[in-house]
Protein backbone atom coordinates (compact mmCIF):
# COMPACT_ATOMS: atom_id res chain seq x y z
CA MET A 1 0.00 0.00 0.00
CA VAL A 2 1.28 3.43 -0.97
CA HIS A 3 0.00 6.92 -0.08
CA GLU A 4 0.31 9.72 -2.63
CA ALA A 5 -1.06 13.24 -2.80
CA TYR A 6 -1.85 15.28 -5.89
CA ALA A 7 -2.83 18.89 -6.45
CA PHE A 8 -5.17 19.85 -9.28
CA VAL A 9 -6.15 23.08 -10.97
CA CYS A 10 -8.90 23.61 -13.53
CA LEU A 11 -7.63 25.59 -16.49
CA HIS A 12 -11.21 26.61 -17.30
CA CYS A 13 -12.45 28.14 -14.02
CA GLY A 14 -9.26 28.29 -11.92
CA HIS A 15 -10.58 26.07 -9.11
CA GLY A 16 -7.76 24.33 -7.24
CA TRP A 17 -7.86 21.38 -4.87
CA GLU A 18 -5.69 18.67 -3.38
CA GLU A 19 -6.45 15.04 -2.65
CA GLU A 20 -4.62 12.21 -0.93
CA TYR A 21 -4.89 8.69 -2.30
CA GLU A 22 -4.22 5.26 -0.88
CA ILE A 23 -2.92 3.09 -3.71
CA ARG A 24 -3.18 -0.67 -3.48
CA HIS A 25 -1.02 -2.60 -5.95
CA THR A 26 -2.14 -6.15 -6.72
CA THR A 27 -1.44 -8.91 -9.23
CA ASP A 28 -4.31 -10.99 -10.57
CA LEU A 29 -4.19 -14.73 -11.22
CA ALA A 30 -3.06 -14.14 -14.82
CA GLY A 31 -0.07 -12.11 -13.59
CA HIS A 32 -1.41 -8.70 -14.62
CA ARG A 33 -0.53 -5.89 -12.20
CA ARG A 34 -3.07 -3.26 -11.29
CA ALA A 35 -3.32 -0.25 -9.03
CA ASP A 36 -6.55 0.67 -7.26
CA TYR A 37 -6.96 4.18 -5.85
CA PHE A 38 -8.94 5.00 -2.71
CA THR A 39 -9.90 8.27 -1.04
CA HIS A 40 -11.83 8.42 2.23
CA GLY A 41 -12.20 4.63 2.04
CA LEU A 42 -13.91 4.67 -1.38
CA ARG A 43 -12.43 3.27 -4.58
CA VAL A 44 -12.03 6.03 -7.17
CA PRO A 45 -10.60 6.29 -10.69
CA SER A 46 -6.91 7.04 -11.04
CA PRO A 47 -6.24 10.76 -10.59
CA LEU A 48 -4.09 10.55 -13.70
CA THR A 49 -7.28 10.06 -15.74
CA LEU A 50 -9.18 12.94 -14.12
CA SER A 51 -10.72 15.18 -16.76
CA ASP A 52 -13.57 17.11 -15.11
CA CYS A 53 -13.41 19.83 -12.48
CA PRO A 54 -15.68 19.24 -9.46
CA SER A 55 -16.53 22.96 -9.46
CA CYS A 56 -17.49 23.65 -13.09
CA ASN A 57 -17.67 20.08 -14.51
CA ARG A 58 -15.35 21.13 -17.31
CA GLY A 59 -11.63 21.22 -17.80
CA PRO A 60 -8.92 20.70 -18.81
CA ILE A 61 -7.33 19.75 -15.51
CA ARG A 62 -3.65 20.22 -14.70
CA ILE A 63 -2.01 17.94 -12.13
CA LEU A 64 0.59 19.56 -9.88
CA HIS A 65 2.89 18.47 -7.08
CA PRO A 66 1.16 18.42 -3.68
CA GLY A 67 1.27 21.70 -1.79
CA ARG A 68 1.13 23.85 -4.94
CA VAL A 69 -2.53 24.78 -4.60
CA LYS A 70 -2.17 25.91 -0.98
CA ALA A 71 0.86 28.02 -1.91
CA ALA A 72 -0.89 29.75 -4.82
CA ARG A 73 -2.21 33.26 -4.38
CA THR A 74 -5.81 34.00 -5.35
CA TRP A 75 -6.75 36.68 -7.85
CA PRO A 76 -7.77 39.40 -5.33
CA ASP A 77 -4.32 39.11 -3.68
CA TYR A 78 -2.74 40.42 -6.86
CA LEU A 79 -4.87 43.57 -6.85
CA GLY A 80 -3.84 45.01 -3.62
């Protein structure tokens, strides 16, 4: 089991968020490896295939290193 975090930003609306994932690597009976991603105990699609923003339901989505969204300044900060 591996834990990874990703940061995301929507290039359409500017919404940013971060999510931590628990990744379980397994091998099936045929020898094929797979990785299952979980957040808050629920199985979810790989964040590498994420294409829709939870805020505007559009995209495209950019994946960043964790901590980048929290460090970003919001638009009003630039005005004053």
